[in-house]
C-alpha cells in the first residue's frame, strides 16, 4: 500500500514540475528568447504541451478571459498540491 501511495505522490509532484517547466518555456518562447525553429526547442516544447494541455484545457474553458494572462497552470498546480496534501493527511497520514 505504501508503494502505491508513494507512486501517486511522486507522479503528482512530477506533473507539477512539468507544469512549471511548460509555463516557463512558453514565456521564453513568447518573449523571443527561445526560437521554436530550433528542432530541440520545438521538440521539448511540443512534449510539454502534449502532456500538460489535456489537463489545462478544461480549466481554461472554465476561467474567464483575462486578456493575455493565462492562470490555468497556477490553478492546476494549486489543485494538485491540494490533492497531495489530502493524500498525505487524510488517506495515509502514517505512511507518507
N, C-alpha and C. Protein backbone atom coordinates (compact mmCIF):
# COMPACT_ATOMS: atom_id res chain seq x y z
N UNK A 1 0.82 -1.20 0.00
CA UNK A 1 0.00 0.00 0.00
C UNK A 1 0.86 1.26 0.00
N UNK A 2 1.95 1.20 0.76
CA UNK A 2 2.85 2.34 0.82
C UNK A 2 3.44 2.66 -0.55
N UNK A 3 3.78 1.64 -1.31
CA UNK A 3 4.38 1.85 -2.63
C UNK A 3 3.40 2.54 -3.58
N UNK A 4 2.15 2.18 -3.54
CA UNK A 4 1.15 2.79 -4.41
C UNK A 4 0.96 4.26 -4.05
N UNK A 5 0.86 4.55 -2.76
CA UNK A 5 0.69 5.95 -2.34
C UNK A 5 1.93 6.78 -2.65
N UNK A 6 3.09 6.19 -2.48
CA UNK A 6 4.33 6.90 -2.84
C UNK A 6 4.36 7.18 -4.33
N UNK A 7 3.94 6.21 -5.14
CA UNK A 7 3.92 6.38 -6.60
C UNK A 7 2.96 7.49 -7.01
N UNK A 8 1.78 7.55 -6.40
CA UNK A 8 0.82 8.60 -6.71
C UNK A 8 1.37 9.96 -6.32
N UNK A 9 1.97 10.05 -5.13
CA UNK A 9 2.54 11.32 -4.66
C UNK A 9 3.68 11.77 -5.58
N UNK A 10 4.52 10.86 -5.98
CA UNK A 10 5.63 11.20 -6.86
C UNK A 10 5.14 11.61 -8.24
N UNK A 11 4.12 10.94 -8.76
CA UNK A 11 3.56 11.31 -10.06
C UNK A 11 2.95 12.71 -10.02
N UNK A 12 2.24 13.02 -8.94
CA UNK A 12 1.68 14.36 -8.80
C UNK A 12 2.78 15.42 -8.72
N UNK A 13 3.84 15.11 -7.99
CA UNK A 13 4.96 16.04 -7.87
C UNK A 13 5.64 16.26 -9.22
N UNK A 14 5.87 15.19 -9.97
CA UNK A 14 6.49 15.32 -11.29
C UNK A 14 5.60 16.11 -12.25
N UNK A 15 4.29 15.93 -12.17
CA UNK A 15 3.39 16.67 -13.04
C UNK A 15 3.38 18.15 -12.68
N UNK A 16 3.50 18.46 -11.41
CA UNK A 16 3.61 19.87 -11.01
C UNK A 16 4.87 20.49 -11.61
N UNK A 17 5.98 19.78 -11.56
CA UNK A 17 7.20 20.29 -12.16
C UNK A 17 7.08 20.41 -13.68
N UNK A 18 6.38 19.49 -14.31
CA UNK A 18 6.16 19.59 -15.76
C UNK A 18 5.34 20.83 -16.09
N UNK A 19 4.35 21.15 -15.27
CA UNK A 19 3.56 22.37 -15.48
C UNK A 19 4.42 23.62 -15.34
N UNK A 20 5.29 23.63 -14.35
CA UNK A 20 6.17 24.79 -14.15
C UNK A 20 7.12 24.95 -15.33
N UNK A 21 7.70 23.86 -15.78
CA UNK A 21 8.63 23.91 -16.92
C UNK A 21 7.90 24.36 -18.18
N UNK A 22 6.69 23.84 -18.41
CA UNK A 22 5.93 24.23 -19.59
C UNK A 22 5.57 25.71 -19.56
N UNK A 23 5.22 26.23 -18.39
CA UNK A 23 4.87 27.65 -18.28
C UNK A 23 6.10 28.53 -18.54
N UNK A 24 7.23 28.16 -17.97
CA UNK A 24 8.46 28.94 -18.20
C UNK A 24 8.87 28.86 -19.66
N UNK A 25 8.77 27.69 -20.25
CA UNK A 25 9.13 27.53 -21.66
C UNK A 25 8.23 28.37 -22.56
N UNK A 26 6.94 28.41 -22.27
CA UNK A 26 6.04 29.20 -23.10
C UNK A 26 6.32 30.70 -22.95
N UNK A 27 6.70 31.13 -21.76
CA UNK A 27 7.06 32.54 -21.57
C UNK A 27 8.32 32.89 -22.35
N UNK A 28 9.32 32.00 -22.29
CA UNK A 28 10.56 32.25 -23.02
C UNK A 28 10.34 32.27 -24.53
N UNK A 29 9.46 31.44 -25.03
CA UNK A 29 9.14 31.45 -26.46
C UNK A 29 8.36 32.70 -26.82
N UNK A 30 7.43 33.10 -25.97
CA UNK A 30 6.61 34.28 -26.25
C UNK A 30 7.45 35.56 -26.30
N UNK A 31 8.48 35.65 -25.46
CA UNK A 31 9.33 36.84 -25.46
C UNK A 31 10.47 36.76 -26.45
N UNK A 32 10.55 35.67 -27.21
CA UNK A 32 11.56 35.55 -28.25
C UNK A 32 12.92 35.15 -27.76
N UNK A 33 13.04 34.69 -26.54
CA UNK A 33 14.33 34.26 -26.02
C UNK A 33 14.71 32.90 -26.60
N UNK A 34 13.70 32.04 -26.73
CA UNK A 34 13.91 30.75 -27.37
C UNK A 34 13.21 30.76 -28.72
N UNK A 35 13.85 30.16 -29.72
CA UNK A 35 13.31 30.13 -31.06
C UNK A 35 12.79 28.73 -31.36
N UNK A 36 11.51 28.63 -31.72
CA UNK A 36 10.93 27.32 -31.98
C UNK A 36 11.35 26.74 -33.32
N UNK A 37 12.08 27.51 -34.11
CA UNK A 37 12.64 26.93 -35.34
C UNK A 37 13.78 25.99 -35.04
N UNK A 38 14.37 26.12 -33.86
CA UNK A 38 15.38 25.17 -33.41
C UNK A 38 14.67 23.85 -33.12
N UNK A 39 15.17 22.77 -33.68
CA UNK A 39 14.50 21.47 -33.57
C UNK A 39 14.40 20.99 -32.12
N UNK A 40 15.44 21.19 -31.32
CA UNK A 40 15.43 20.74 -29.93
C UNK A 40 14.41 21.54 -29.11
N UNK A 41 14.39 22.85 -29.29
CA UNK A 41 13.43 23.70 -28.57
C UNK A 41 12.02 23.31 -28.96
N UNK A 42 11.78 23.07 -30.25
CA UNK A 42 10.45 22.68 -30.69
C UNK A 42 10.04 21.34 -30.09
N UNK A 43 10.97 20.37 -30.07
CA UNK A 43 10.65 19.04 -29.55
C UNK A 43 10.34 19.09 -28.06
N UNK A 44 11.12 19.84 -27.30
CA UNK A 44 10.87 19.96 -25.86
C UNK A 44 9.56 20.68 -25.61
N UNK A 45 9.30 21.75 -26.32
CA UNK A 45 8.05 22.48 -26.17
C UNK A 45 6.84 21.65 -26.56
N UNK A 46 6.98 20.89 -27.63
CA UNK A 46 5.88 20.02 -28.07
C UNK A 46 5.60 18.94 -27.03
N UNK A 47 6.64 18.36 -26.46
CA UNK A 47 6.47 17.34 -25.43
C UNK A 47 5.71 17.89 -24.22
N UNK A 48 6.15 19.03 -23.72
CA UNK A 48 5.49 19.60 -22.54
C UNK A 48 4.08 20.07 -22.85
N UNK A 49 3.85 20.55 -24.06
CA UNK A 49 2.49 20.94 -24.43
C UNK A 49 1.57 19.73 -24.50
N UNK A 50 2.07 18.62 -25.02
CA UNK A 50 1.25 17.41 -25.14
C UNK A 50 0.91 16.80 -23.79
N UNK A 51 1.80 16.93 -22.80
CA UNK A 51 1.49 16.31 -21.51
C UNK A 51 0.71 17.25 -20.58
N UNK A 52 0.75 18.56 -20.82
CA UNK A 52 0.05 19.47 -19.93
C UNK A 52 -1.27 19.98 -20.50
N UNK A 53 -1.40 20.05 -21.80
CA UNK A 53 -2.58 20.64 -22.42
C UNK A 53 -3.88 19.89 -22.10
N UNK A 54 -3.91 18.57 -22.06
CA UNK A 54 -5.20 17.91 -21.74
C UNK A 54 -5.73 18.26 -20.35
N UNK A 55 -4.87 18.55 -19.41
CA UNK A 55 -5.34 18.93 -18.07
C UNK A 55 -5.64 20.43 -17.99
N UNK A 56 -4.97 21.23 -18.79
CA UNK A 56 -5.17 22.68 -18.73
C UNK A 56 -6.38 23.15 -19.54
N UNK A 57 -6.75 22.45 -20.59
CA UNK A 57 -7.84 22.89 -21.46
C UNK A 57 -9.17 23.03 -20.74
N UNK A 58 -9.59 22.06 -19.91
CA UNK A 58 -10.88 22.27 -19.20
C UNK A 58 -10.83 23.43 -18.21
N UNK A 59 -9.68 23.69 -17.63
CA UNK A 59 -9.56 24.82 -16.71
C UNK A 59 -9.63 26.12 -17.48
N UNK A 60 -9.02 26.18 -18.66
CA UNK A 60 -9.09 27.39 -19.48
C UNK A 60 -10.52 27.67 -19.94
N UNK A 61 -11.27 26.61 -20.21
CA UNK A 61 -12.68 26.80 -20.61
C UNK A 61 -13.52 27.32 -19.46
N UNK A 62 -13.16 26.98 -18.25
CA UNK A 62 -13.92 27.38 -17.07
C UNK A 62 -13.57 28.80 -16.61
N UNK A 63 -12.32 29.20 -16.73
CA UNK A 63 -11.88 30.51 -16.25
C UNK A 63 -12.34 31.63 -17.18
N UNK A 64 -12.57 32.82 -16.64
CA UNK A 64 -12.94 33.95 -17.51
C UNK A 64 -11.71 34.42 -18.30
N UNK A 65 -11.96 35.13 -19.37
CA UNK A 65 -10.89 35.65 -20.21
C UNK A 65 -10.20 36.81 -19.49
N UNK A 66 -8.91 36.68 -19.25
CA UNK A 66 -8.14 37.72 -18.58
C UNK A 66 -7.20 38.44 -19.53
N UNK A 67 -7.52 38.43 -20.80
CA UNK A 67 -6.65 39.05 -21.78
C UNK A 67 -5.53 38.11 -22.15
N UNK A 68 -4.31 38.57 -22.03
CA UNK A 68 -3.15 37.76 -22.38
C UNK A 68 -2.60 36.95 -21.22
N UNK A 69 -3.24 37.00 -20.07
CA UNK A 69 -2.73 36.31 -18.89
C UNK A 69 -3.41 34.95 -18.77
N UNK A 70 -2.61 33.90 -18.67
CA UNK A 70 -3.13 32.55 -18.53
C UNK A 70 -2.77 32.04 -17.13
N UNK A 71 -3.78 31.95 -16.27
CA UNK A 71 -3.53 31.50 -14.91
C UNK A 71 -3.92 30.03 -14.71
N UNK A 72 -4.25 29.34 -15.80
CA UNK A 72 -4.66 27.94 -15.67
C UNK A 72 -3.55 27.05 -15.10
N UNK A 73 -2.26 27.25 -15.43
CA UNK A 73 -1.24 26.42 -14.77
C UNK A 73 -1.20 26.64 -13.26
N UNK A 74 -1.40 27.87 -12.82
CA UNK A 74 -1.40 28.16 -11.40
C UNK A 74 -2.57 27.47 -10.70
N UNK A 75 -3.74 27.51 -11.33
CA UNK A 75 -4.92 26.85 -10.75
C UNK A 75 -4.69 25.35 -10.66
N UNK A 76 -4.14 24.75 -11.71
CA UNK A 76 -3.90 23.31 -11.70
C UNK A 76 -2.83 22.93 -10.68
N UNK A 77 -1.80 23.75 -10.53
CA UNK A 77 -0.77 23.47 -9.53
C UNK A 77 -1.37 23.53 -8.13
N UNK A 78 -2.24 24.49 -7.88
CA UNK A 78 -2.90 24.56 -6.57
C UNK A 78 -3.79 23.35 -6.33
N UNK A 79 -4.51 22.90 -7.34
CA UNK A 79 -5.36 21.72 -7.20
C UNK A 79 -4.53 20.46 -6.95
N UNK A 80 -3.42 20.32 -7.68
CA UNK A 80 -2.57 19.15 -7.48
C UNK A 80 -1.88 19.18 -6.12
N UNK A 81 -1.50 20.35 -5.66
CA UNK A 81 -0.90 20.47 -4.33
C UNK A 81 -1.93 20.13 -3.26
N UNK A 82 -3.16 20.56 -3.45
CA UNK A 82 -4.22 20.20 -2.51
C UNK A 82 -4.45 18.69 -2.51
N UNK A 83 -4.37 18.07 -3.67
CA UNK A 83 -4.52 16.61 -3.74
C UNK A 83 -3.38 15.90 -3.01
N UNK A 84 -2.17 16.44 -3.14
CA UNK A 84 -1.04 15.85 -2.42
C UNK A 84 -1.20 16.01 -0.91
N UNK A 85 -1.67 17.16 -0.47
CA UNK A 85 -1.89 17.38 0.96
C UNK A 85 -3.01 16.47 1.47
N UNK A 86 -4.08 16.33 0.70
CA UNK A 86 -5.16 15.42 1.07
C UNK A 86 -4.65 13.99 1.18
N UNK A 87 -3.82 13.59 0.24
CA UNK A 87 -3.26 12.25 0.25
C UNK A 87 -2.39 12.04 1.49
N UNK A 88 -1.59 13.02 1.83
CA UNK A 88 -0.67 12.87 2.95
C UNK A 88 -1.36 12.96 4.31
N UNK A 89 -2.42 13.74 4.42
CA UNK A 89 -3.04 13.93 5.74
C UNK A 89 -4.25 13.05 5.99
N UNK A 90 -5.02 12.74 4.96
CA UNK A 90 -6.25 12.00 5.18
C UNK A 90 -6.14 10.54 4.78
N UNK A 91 -5.63 10.28 3.60
CA UNK A 91 -5.60 8.92 3.10
C UNK A 91 -4.54 8.09 3.81
N UNK A 92 -3.35 8.65 3.94
CA UNK A 92 -2.27 7.87 4.52
C UNK A 92 -1.40 8.75 5.43
N UNK A 93 -1.91 9.18 6.58
CA UNK A 93 -1.11 10.07 7.41
C UNK A 93 0.14 9.41 7.98
N UNK A 94 0.12 8.14 8.24
CA UNK A 94 1.27 7.48 8.83
C UNK A 94 2.22 6.92 7.78
N UNK A 95 1.77 6.82 6.53
CA UNK A 95 2.59 6.18 5.51
C UNK A 95 3.52 7.15 4.81
N UNK A 96 3.06 8.37 4.55
CA UNK A 96 3.88 9.31 3.79
C UNK A 96 4.67 10.18 4.71
